[in-house]
Structure formats: structure tokens, C-alpha cells
Amino acid sequence: IRLIDEHLHRSIRLRLPCEVPAAALLSGGLDSAMICAVAAAQGVKLPVFTLGYDEYGAYDERSNARITADYLGLEHSEVVISRGDFDEHLDELIAHMDEPLNDPAALPLYLLMKKISSEGYKVVLSGEGSDELFLGYRQYFEYLDIEKAASLHHKNWLKKYFHSHFSMNREWEWYKRIFDDTLLFRTSGEKFTDLQQNMLLRRNVRDNESLRFLAPYREMFEQSSHTHPAQWYSMIDLKLFVGEHFLAKLDRVSMAHTIEARTPFLDHRLAEAAMSIDPGLRIGKGETKSLLKEVAGSYLSEEIIHRKKKGFSNPYMEWLIASGRIDLIREVNTQTGLFHPEMVDKYLEMARRGRFKQHVWGLYVLSHWIKRELL
């Protein structure tokens, strides 16, 4: 605990600029609260910015963020975005992203950075990397549980059952991988599994095709001294999910407004220290971020430390449907023939019922990019 605390202090001290005004993003979660708390302990009270959503209280983190800001005595600004903002800025956001990146949080973050920039700030501290280092996703613990099925002696019946009872849900493929003795976890960025891709795309996608892209990383992991699945989860997510996805998004939405985003949790010495800790200690009793929560006990209240994680959720699908923009997916598919039309219809229908939302967002962003760049 002391080691993590020391590295976090050093990392934040290094990233607090003296020469330009700096701010921090503040959600209702632990990561951003810890950055602000450690900075405050160093005598720097960072002004903080939080997102809120018009008419969508379920996605709103303002009340939780306000509690944290008040607890730490920070100047707190709330930025509320509406469907009108979504319609007005979505095209320019996708242009700034340069590539079809499937992240529904990109537009809210883009609008938040726009506001922060308008207030004159040049540097923003953000909490990327904490979830991956300290096992902050509930999903990690689901995977760890499913891994245990690999040791079942009598799994042939289950294997046959899974092969003959197909489901589109990703959990079906997770269990299938275990019964087929293949790699279960393939990054948190895996939205379309191999089988989902095969059903959607007109071209054939072989089962386990995704392992081809992971092969160099898996080889690196197997040559290291690490063997525990949780170490693999953290390593591959830091390399791909954070490195290629979250940081690409953060860099592009911040630089679009001439802001430099800094990520204290991704300091290499802090990451090395966290990864060197016994996986059993990082897992604890199966609670997310148990190690970081122990460190946080010196800085934050129990209420802030243990409240339920919301993630950076927002009403992107409700807005996409209400705006009529979602029809672009069918329009582009008619021109390109990339996907089976009946599967596109199925995904769109499920998105309207609140399921497979990020799959459909990915299809929309890809369609938007194809129309702009290729058609």
C-alpha cells in the first residue's frame, strides 16, 4: 500500500504543471477522486469539471462528483449536454478522431474538453489506466470465475451442449472458449466476438481469428514470469485497450481543443509497481480496485471510496435513434454490401430495446467513416 501511495504521489507531482493553468476531470468514481485528493495533499487544489445529461438522470454523475468536490474543497464546474449538442457536434467529433473508434464516450468528452479549453486551461489530469492496473472492471472477476470451468474433469457434455445451442450473447462464446481449451480473455475492447463477426459480415471470419492479432502479446506474456490470468488481463488491456483505444480517444478530443491530457496512473514506475504485486492481493476478496481502495482510505471518505461504479455512460443510443442518424448504417450497407442485411436489422432492433448498444454504435461510427472517406 505504501509503495502504491508513494508512486502515485510522485506521478501526480510530476504531472502538475507550474507554468500553465491545469484542471482535472471528476466523475463520481474513485480514479479521478484519487488524483484530486493526492494533488490536494500536495497543496494543489485542482479545479474540476463533471459531465451531466439533460433529461437522463440515470447516466448523470454530477451529484456524486459534487460530494467529492465538496469533501476536497475544490472549485467544481458542471457541463450539461443535450441531444442538440449531440446533433450539432457529432460530425466534427468523428472527423477529429481520424479513424472509426468505437467509443460512445468520445463525444461527451470532446464537449467537456471544449468547455475546459474555453475557461483557459491548458492541461487536464485524467484517470485512464487505473481500472486496468487495479482490476476495476466487474467483468474481470466474471472472467476469473469462468476460467475455473477449464479445470472441470467432465466437461464433454457441456462442450457438446454449447456447440449445439448457439446464443448471440458474448457469454456463450466465453464458455465455448473454455470448453474448447482456447484463450478466454482477448481484451476488454473485444466488442464483436469472432462468431458475432462471422454472422454479421458477408466474408467468412474463422473461429479464433482474433488470436492472430493477439499472438505477439500472448507470446510476450508466456515468456515473462507471470502466469496468473489477472496479470494477462491487465497486461493486454494496458497494451491494447488503453494504449490503442482510450489514449487515442483522449489525445484526439483534448488536442482538438489545444489541451494536453495527462494520465498519472499510466506512469511507468507506478504501473511496474502495481504489476509486481501478487495477483492474489490485487484480486483481494473479489472486490474491484481493492488495493486502490486501501490507499484511498487515507484521503477520502468511505462513502466516496465504496459507492457503486457507473462508468462513463451516456444516452448515446437514445440520441442516435431519436436523431434518425441510425439509418445511416442501413444506407451505407446497401452501398457496400459489407454486412448481411438481416443481421444489421437484428442489431438495430435489439439496440432499440437497450441491448447490444455499443455494437451498434461501432457500426454507426464505421458507416460514418466509410461514407466520408470511401464512398
Protein backbone atom coordinates (compact mmCIF):
# COMPACT_ATOMS: atom_id res chain seq x y z
CA ILE A 1 0.00 0.00 0.00
CA ARG A 2 2.83 2.38 0.91
CA LEU A 3 4.60 1.61 -2.38
CA ILE A 4 1.49 2.43 -4.47
CA ASP A 5 0.90 5.58 -2.43
CA GLU A 6 4.47 6.80 -2.94
CA HIS A 7 4.42 6.14 -6.69
CA LEU A 8 1.04 7.85 -7.08
CA HIS A 9 2.31 10.92 -5.21
CA ARG A 10 5.45 11.09 -7.36
CA SER A 11 3.48 10.56 -10.59
CA ILE A 12 0.97 13.32 -9.82
CA ARG A 13 3.70 15.73 -8.67
CA LEU A 14 5.50 15.21 -11.99
CA ARG A 15 2.32 15.95 -13.95
CA LEU A 16 1.20 19.11 -12.19
CA PRO A 17 2.40 21.99 -14.38
CA CYS A 18 3.75 25.18 -12.83
CA GLU A 19 3.66 27.32 -15.96
CA VAL A 20 0.09 26.88 -17.29
CA PRO A 21 -3.35 26.55 -15.66
CA ALA A 22 -4.40 22.93 -15.05
CA ALA A 23 -7.71 21.25 -14.23
CA ALA A 24 -8.93 17.69 -13.65
CA LEU A 25 -11.82 15.58 -14.87
CA LEU A 26 -14.05 14.48 -11.99
CA SER A 27 -16.58 11.69 -12.38
CA GLY A 28 -18.38 10.09 -9.48
CA GLY A 29 -15.71 7.36 -9.38
CA LEU A 30 -12.58 6.61 -7.40
CA ASP A 31 -9.85 7.20 -10.01
CA SER A 32 -10.46 10.89 -10.63
CA ALA A 33 -11.21 11.43 -6.93
CA MET A 34 -7.80 9.95 -6.01
CA ILE A 35 -5.94 12.17 -8.46
CA CYS A 36 -7.63 15.25 -6.99
CA ALA A 37 -7.14 14.06 -3.40
CA VAL A 38 -3.41 13.36 -3.81
CA ALA A 39 -2.92 16.70 -5.60
CA ALA A 40 -4.76 18.43 -2.73
CA ALA A 41 -2.48 16.64 -0.23
CA GLN A 42 0.42 18.23 -2.14
CA GLY A 43 -1.17 21.65 -1.72
CA VAL A 44 -2.70 21.89 -5.22
CA LYS A 45 -6.48 22.18 -5.33
CA LEU A 46 -7.28 21.45 -8.95
CA PRO A 47 -10.47 22.98 -10.40
CA VAL A 48 -12.65 20.08 -11.57
CA PHE A 49 -15.16 19.52 -14.37
CA THR A 50 -18.02 17.00 -14.46
CA LEU A 51 -20.46 15.97 -17.20
CA GLY A 52 -24.22 15.86 -16.84
CA TYR A 53 -27.03 14.99 -19.25
CA ASP A 54 -30.26 16.78 -19.96
CA GLU A 55 -33.27 14.61 -19.07
CA TYR A 56 -31.21 11.46 -18.42
CA GLY A 57 -30.68 11.20 -14.67
CA ALA A 58 -29.68 7.53 -14.86
CA TYR A 59 -26.46 8.49 -16.64
CA ASP A 60 -25.72 11.56 -14.54
CA GLU A 61 -22.77 11.58 -12.14
CA ARG A 62 -22.99 15.20 -11.05
CA SER A 63 -24.35 14.56 -7.56
CA ASN A 64 -21.60 12.03 -6.74
CA ALA A 65 -18.91 14.29 -8.21
CA ARG A 66 -20.26 17.22 -6.19
CA ILE A 67 -19.88 15.22 -2.96
CA THR A 68 -16.22 14.52 -3.83
CA ALA A 69 -15.53 18.13 -4.81
CA ASP A 70 -17.11 19.43 -1.58
CA TYR A 71 -15.20 16.88 0.51
CA LEU A 72 -11.88 18.02 -1.02
CA GLY A 73 -12.84 21.71 -1.16
CA LEU A 74 -12.44 22.01 -4.94
CA GLU A 75 -13.89 24.53 -7.37
CA HIS A 76 -16.41 22.47 -9.31
CA SER A 77 -17.96 23.14 -12.74
CA GLU A 78 -20.76 21.08 -14.26
CA VAL A 79 -21.13 20.79 -18.02
CA VAL A 80 -24.59 19.66 -19.13
CA ILE A 81 -25.03 18.36 -22.66
CA SER A 82 -28.25 17.77 -24.56
CA ARG A 83 -29.44 15.99 -27.69
CA GLY A 84 -28.98 19.28 -29.53
CA ASP A 85 -25.27 19.26 -28.62
CA PHE A 86 -25.06 15.64 -29.81
CA ASP A 87 -26.58 16.53 -33.20
CA GLU A 88 -24.50 19.68 -33.60
CA HIS A 89 -21.06 18.25 -32.79
CA LEU A 90 -21.09 14.55 -33.73
CA ASP A 91 -19.81 15.03 -37.30
CA GLU A 92 -16.91 17.24 -36.25
CA LEU A 93 -16.00 14.82 -33.42
CA ILE A 94 -15.83 11.85 -35.81
CA ALA A 95 -13.66 13.93 -38.16
CA HIS A 96 -11.26 14.77 -35.30
CA MET A 97 -10.99 11.10 -34.34
CA ASP A 98 -9.28 10.30 -37.71
CA GLU A 99 -10.37 6.64 -37.56
CA PRO A 100 -13.57 4.74 -36.72
CA LEU A 101 -13.01 4.29 -32.98
CA ASN A 102 -15.89 2.57 -31.18
CA ASP A 103 -16.16 4.69 -28.03
CA PRO A 104 -19.53 6.28 -27.19
CA ALA A 105 -17.82 8.42 -24.52
CA ALA A 106 -15.79 10.30 -27.14
CA LEU A 107 -18.44 12.95 -27.90
CA PRO A 108 -19.29 13.84 -24.26
CA LEU A 109 -15.54 14.02 -23.53
CA TYR A 110 -15.00 16.20 -26.60
CA LEU A 111 -17.67 18.65 -25.39
CA LEU A 112 -16.23 18.61 -21.88
CA MET A 113 -12.76 19.46 -23.23
CA LYS A 114 -14.29 22.26 -25.32
CA LYS A 115 -15.71 23.82 -22.15
CA ILE A 116 -12.45 23.37 -20.20
CA SER A 117 -10.49 24.99 -23.02
CA SER A 118 -12.90 27.94 -23.14
CA GLU A 119 -12.08 28.56 -19.45
CA GLY A 120 -8.40 28.95 -20.31
CA TYR A 121 -6.99 25.64 -19.05
CA LYS A 122 -4.12 24.06 -20.97
CA VAL A 123 -3.54 20.80 -19.05
CA VAL A 124 -6.09 18.28 -17.78
CA LEU A 125 -5.42 15.32 -15.49
CA SER A 126 -7.43 12.18 -16.21
CA GLY A 127 -7.75 8.72 -14.62
CA GLU A 128 -7.06 6.35 -17.55
CA GLY A 129 -5.24 3.14 -16.63
CA SER A 130 -6.49 2.72 -13.08
CA ASP A 131 -9.18 0.16 -13.97
CA GLU A 132 -6.67 -1.98 -15.82
CA LEU A 133 -3.92 -1.76 -13.17
CA PHE A 134 -6.15 -2.29 -10.15
CA LEU A 135 -8.82 -4.60 -11.66
CA GLY A 136 -11.61 -2.05 -11.72
CA TYR A 137 -13.93 -3.81 -14.15
CA ARG A 138 -16.53 -6.18 -12.71
CA GLN A 139 -16.04 -8.16 -15.92
CA TYR A 140 -12.51 -9.17 -14.85
CA PHE A 141 -13.98 -11.10 -11.95
CA GLU A 142 -16.55 -12.76 -14.21
CA TYR A 143 -13.69 -13.95 -16.43
CA LEU A 144 -11.71 -15.22 -13.43
CA ASP A 145 -14.75 -17.22 -12.37
CA ILE A 146 -15.32 -18.66 -15.86
CA GLU A 147 -11.61 -19.64 -16.08
CA LYS A 148 -12.31 -22.18 -13.31
CA ALA A 149 -14.54 -24.18 -15.67
CA ALA A 150 -11.36 -25.16 -17.59
CA SER A 151 -10.43 -27.49 -14.72
CA LEU A 152 -13.69 -29.47 -14.86
CA HIS A 153 -12.91 -33.15 -15.46
CA HIS A 154 -16.28 -33.93 -17.02
CA LYS A 155 -16.92 -31.12 -19.44
CA ASN A 156 -17.54 -33.03 -22.69
CA TRP A 157 -21.31 -32.95 -22.23
CA LEU A 158 -21.20 -29.19 -21.61
CA LYS A 159 -18.95 -28.72 -24.64
CA LYS A 160 -21.43 -30.57 -26.88
CA TYR A 161 -24.35 -28.65 -25.38
CA PHE A 162 -22.74 -25.28 -26.08
CA HIS A 163 -21.87 -26.23 -29.63
CA SER A 164 -25.47 -27.21 -30.35
CA HIS A 165 -27.23 -24.33 -28.51
CA PHE A 166 -25.92 -21.13 -30.07
CA SER A 167 -26.54 -17.73 -28.47
CA MET A 168 -25.52 -14.28 -29.76
CA ASN A 169 -24.56 -13.24 -26.24
CA ARG A 170 -20.82 -12.93 -25.65
CA GLU A 171 -21.06 -15.10 -22.51
CA TRP A 172 -21.91 -18.04 -24.78
CA GLU A 173 -18.62 -17.61 -26.59
CA TRP A 174 -16.72 -17.16 -23.33
CA TYR A 175 -17.84 -20.60 -22.14
CA LYS A 176 -17.28 -22.12 -25.57
CA ARG A 177 -13.64 -20.94 -25.44
CA ILE A 178 -13.15 -22.59 -22.08
CA PHE A 179 -14.63 -25.89 -23.27
CA ASP A 180 -12.52 -25.69 -26.45
CA ASP A 181 -9.35 -25.06 -24.37
CA THR A 182 -8.59 -21.77 -26.10
CA LEU A 183 -7.77 -18.29 -24.78
CA LEU A 184 -10.73 -16.80 -22.92
CA PHE A 185 -9.81 -13.13 -22.42
CA ARG A 186 -8.99 -11.14 -25.57
CA THR A 187 -9.08 -7.56 -24.22
CA SER A 188 -11.96 -5.50 -22.87
CA GLY A 189 -12.05 -3.87 -26.30
CA GLU A 190 -13.44 -7.03 -27.90
CA LYS A 191 -16.98 -5.91 -28.68
CA PHE A 192 -17.76 -8.19 -31.64
CA THR A 193 -16.57 -11.72 -30.91
CA ASP A 194 -15.31 -13.87 -33.80
CA LEU A 195 -18.66 -15.63 -34.08
CA GLN A 196 -20.62 -12.38 -33.97
CA GLN A 197 -18.40 -11.02 -36.76
CA ASN A 198 -18.88 -14.16 -38.80
CA MET A 199 -22.68 -13.87 -38.55
CA LEU A 200 -22.66 -10.16 -39.42
CA LEU A 201 -20.03 -9.91 -42.17
CA ARG A 202 -20.53 -11.33 -45.65
CA ARG A 203 -16.93 -12.54 -45.64
CA ASN A 204 -16.10 -15.58 -43.56
CA VAL A 205 -14.43 -14.91 -40.19
CA ARG A 206 -12.92 -18.08 -38.81
CA ASP A 207 -13.42 -19.10 -35.22
CA ASN A 208 -10.49 -17.82 -33.11
CA GLU A 209 -9.39 -15.42 -35.88
CA SER A 210 -8.83 -12.79 -33.16
CA LEU A 211 -6.00 -14.86 -31.67
CA ARG A 212 -3.89 -13.98 -34.73
CA PHE A 213 -3.81 -10.34 -33.62
CA LEU A 214 -3.03 -11.22 -30.00
CA ALA A 215 -0.29 -13.74 -30.78
CA PRO A 216 2.74 -11.42 -30.27
CA TYR A 217 1.36 -10.18 -26.94
CA ARG A 218 0.48 -13.67 -25.76
CA GLU A 219 3.97 -14.86 -26.64
CA MET A 220 5.45 -11.94 -24.68
CA PHE A 221 3.28 -12.81 -21.69
CA GLU A 222 4.15 -16.51 -21.80
CA GLN A 223 7.87 -15.66 -21.87
CA SER A 224 7.50 -13.48 -18.76
CA SER A 225 7.45 -14.76 -15.19
CA HIS A 226 3.70 -14.11 -14.98
CA THR A 227 1.18 -16.95 -15.20
CA HIS A 228 -1.94 -15.71 -13.39
CA PRO A 229 -4.89 -14.85 -15.68
CA ALA A 230 -5.40 -11.48 -13.90
CA GLN A 231 -1.87 -10.45 -14.94
CA TRP A 232 -2.78 -11.27 -18.55
CA TYR A 233 -5.99 -9.22 -18.29
CA SER A 234 -4.06 -6.18 -17.06
CA MET A 235 -1.20 -6.55 -19.50
CA ILE A 236 -3.23 -6.97 -22.69
CA ASP A 237 -5.70 -4.25 -21.68
CA LEU A 238 -2.88 -1.79 -20.94
CA LYS A 239 -1.23 -2.60 -24.28
CA LEU A 240 -4.35 -2.59 -26.47
CA PHE A 241 -7.49 -1.29 -24.73
CA VAL A 242 -5.73 1.63 -23.04
CA GLY A 243 -2.85 2.11 -25.46
CA GLU A 244 -4.73 1.87 -28.74
CA HIS A 245 -8.25 2.86 -27.70
CA PHE A 246 -8.58 5.07 -24.61
CA LEU A 247 -5.40 7.08 -25.17
CA ALA A 248 -6.16 7.57 -28.87
CA LYS A 249 -9.57 8.95 -27.88
CA LEU A 250 -8.23 11.10 -25.02
CA ASP A 251 -5.42 12.57 -27.10
CA ARG A 252 -7.65 13.46 -30.05
CA VAL A 253 -10.53 15.00 -28.10
CA SER A 254 -8.15 17.05 -25.93
CA MET A 255 -5.79 18.19 -28.69
CA ALA A 256 -8.81 19.20 -30.79
CA HIS A 257 -9.18 21.96 -28.17
CA THR A 258 -5.42 22.56 -27.64
CA ILE A 259 -5.40 20.82 -24.26
CA GLU A 260 -2.71 18.41 -23.11
CA ALA A 261 -4.25 15.46 -21.23
CA ARG A 262 -2.02 13.80 -18.62
CA THR A 263 -2.62 10.37 -17.11
CA PRO A 264 -0.91 9.84 -13.72
CA PHE A 265 -1.98 6.19 -13.34
CA LEU A 266 -0.04 5.33 -16.51
CA ASP A 267 3.31 6.44 -15.09
CA HIS A 268 5.60 3.52 -15.95
CA ARG A 269 7.03 3.18 -12.46
CA LEU A 270 3.56 3.13 -10.88
CA ALA A 271 2.43 0.54 -13.46
CA GLU A 272 5.51 -1.62 -12.82
CA ALA A 273 4.90 -1.46 -9.07
CA ALA A 274 1.23 -2.44 -9.42
CA MET A 275 2.04 -5.31 -11.80
CA SER A 276 4.77 -6.64 -9.47
CA ILE A 277 2.28 -7.14 -6.62
CA ASP A 278 1.00 -10.67 -6.02
CA PRO A 279 -2.17 -11.11 -8.14
CA GLY A 280 -3.97 -12.52 -5.11
CA LEU A 281 -3.52 -9.17 -3.35
CA ARG A 282 -4.83 -7.25 -6.36
CA ILE A 283 -7.87 -9.54 -6.53
CA GLY A 284 -8.43 -9.41 -2.76
CA LYS A 285 -11.86 -10.78 -1.85
CA GLY A 286 -13.23 -10.21 -5.32
CA GLU A 287 -13.95 -6.50 -4.92
CA THR A 288 -12.93 -4.18 -7.75
CA LYS A 289 -9.87 -1.99 -7.05
CA SER A 290 -9.38 -3.41 -3.56
CA LEU A 291 -5.73 -2.23 -3.41
CA LEU A 292 -6.50 1.29 -4.57
CA LYS A 293 -9.40 1.49 -2.11
CA GLU A 294 -6.99 0.67 0.71
CA VAL A 295 -4.69 3.51 -0.41
CA ALA A 296 -7.71 5.82 -0.74
CA GLY A 297 -8.62 5.29 2.94
CA SER A 298 -6.07 7.97 3.87
CA TYR A 299 -7.60 10.57 1.55
CA LEU A 300 -11.33 10.04 1.01
CA SER A 301 -14.49 9.17 2.93
CA GLU A 302 -15.91 5.63 2.98
CA GLU A 303 -18.93 6.90 1.01
CA ILE A 304 -16.74 8.12 -1.86
CA ILE A 305 -14.48 5.04 -1.84
CA HIS A 306 -17.19 2.38 -1.87
CA ARG A 307 -20.00 3.85 -3.94
CA LYS A 308 -21.10 1.88 -6.99
CA LYS A 309 -19.11 2.41 -10.18
CA LYS A 310 -21.13 3.93 -13.04
CA GLY A 311 -18.51 4.21 -15.72
CA PHE A 312 -18.58 6.93 -18.36
CA SER A 313 -22.10 6.08 -19.54
CA ASN A 314 -24.28 8.44 -21.55
CA PRO A 315 -27.52 8.38 -23.58
CA TYR A 316 -25.75 7.97 -26.92
CA MET A 317 -28.10 5.29 -28.27
CA GLU A 318 -31.27 7.14 -27.27
CA TRP A 319 -29.93 10.22 -29.08
CA LEU A 320 -28.73 8.26 -32.12
CA ILE A 321 -32.21 6.73 -32.53
CA ALA A 322 -34.09 9.97 -31.83
CA SER A 323 -31.95 11.92 -34.34
CA GLY A 324 -32.65 9.43 -37.14
CA ARG A 325 -28.89 9.13 -37.73
CA ILE A 326 -29.00 5.41 -37.00
CA ASP A 327 -30.47 4.84 -40.51
CA LEU A 328 -27.00 5.63 -41.92
CA ILE A 329 -25.95 2.05 -41.05
CA ARG A 330 -28.51 0.54 -43.45
CA GLU A 331 -27.80 3.21 -46.08
CA VAL A 332 -24.04 2.53 -46.16
CA ASN A 333 -24.56 -1.23 -46.06
CA THR A 334 -26.83 -1.01 -49.12
CA GLN A 335 -23.96 0.71 -50.97
CA THR A 336 -21.12 -1.50 -49.72
CA GLY A 337 -22.70 -4.90 -49.08
CA LEU A 338 -20.35 -5.40 -46.13
CA PHE A 339 -22.92 -6.97 -43.82
CA HIS A 340 -25.82 -9.39 -44.00
CA PRO A 341 -28.85 -7.02 -44.05
CA GLU A 342 -30.95 -9.30 -41.83
CA MET A 343 -28.23 -9.23 -39.13
CA VAL A 344 -27.99 -5.44 -39.35
CA ASP A 345 -31.77 -5.31 -38.85
CA LYS A 346 -31.47 -7.63 -35.88
CA TYR A 347 -28.79 -5.50 -34.19
CA LEU A 348 -30.75 -2.28 -34.79
CA GLU A 349 -33.90 -3.82 -33.37
CA MET A 350 -32.02 -5.02 -30.27
CA ALA A 351 -30.42 -1.59 -29.78
CA ARG A 352 -33.88 -0.05 -29.65
CA ARG A 353 -34.57 -2.40 -26.75
CA GLY A 354 -31.38 -1.36 -24.96
CA ARG A 355 -29.25 -4.37 -25.94
CA PHE A 356 -26.02 -4.58 -27.99
CA LYS A 357 -25.82 -0.77 -27.88
CA GLN A 358 -22.06 -0.47 -28.24
CA HIS A 359 -22.04 -2.96 -31.11
CA VAL A 360 -24.48 -0.68 -32.95
CA TRP A 361 -22.50 2.45 -32.05
CA GLY A 362 -19.46 0.77 -33.62
CA LEU A 363 -21.45 0.05 -36.76
CA TYR A 364 -22.59 3.68 -36.90
CA VAL A 365 -19.10 5.14 -36.48
CA LEU A 366 -17.70 2.75 -39.10
CA SER A 367 -20.53 3.61 -41.52
CA HIS A 368 -19.96 7.34 -40.97
CA TRP A 369 -16.23 6.94 -41.69
CA ILE A 370 -16.84 4.78 -44.79
CA LYS A 371 -19.31 7.31 -46.21
CA ARG A 372 -16.93 10.23 -45.64
CA GLU A 373 -13.69 8.57 -46.73
CA LEU A 374 -14.59 5.87 -49.25
CA LEU A 375 -17.96 6.49 -50.94
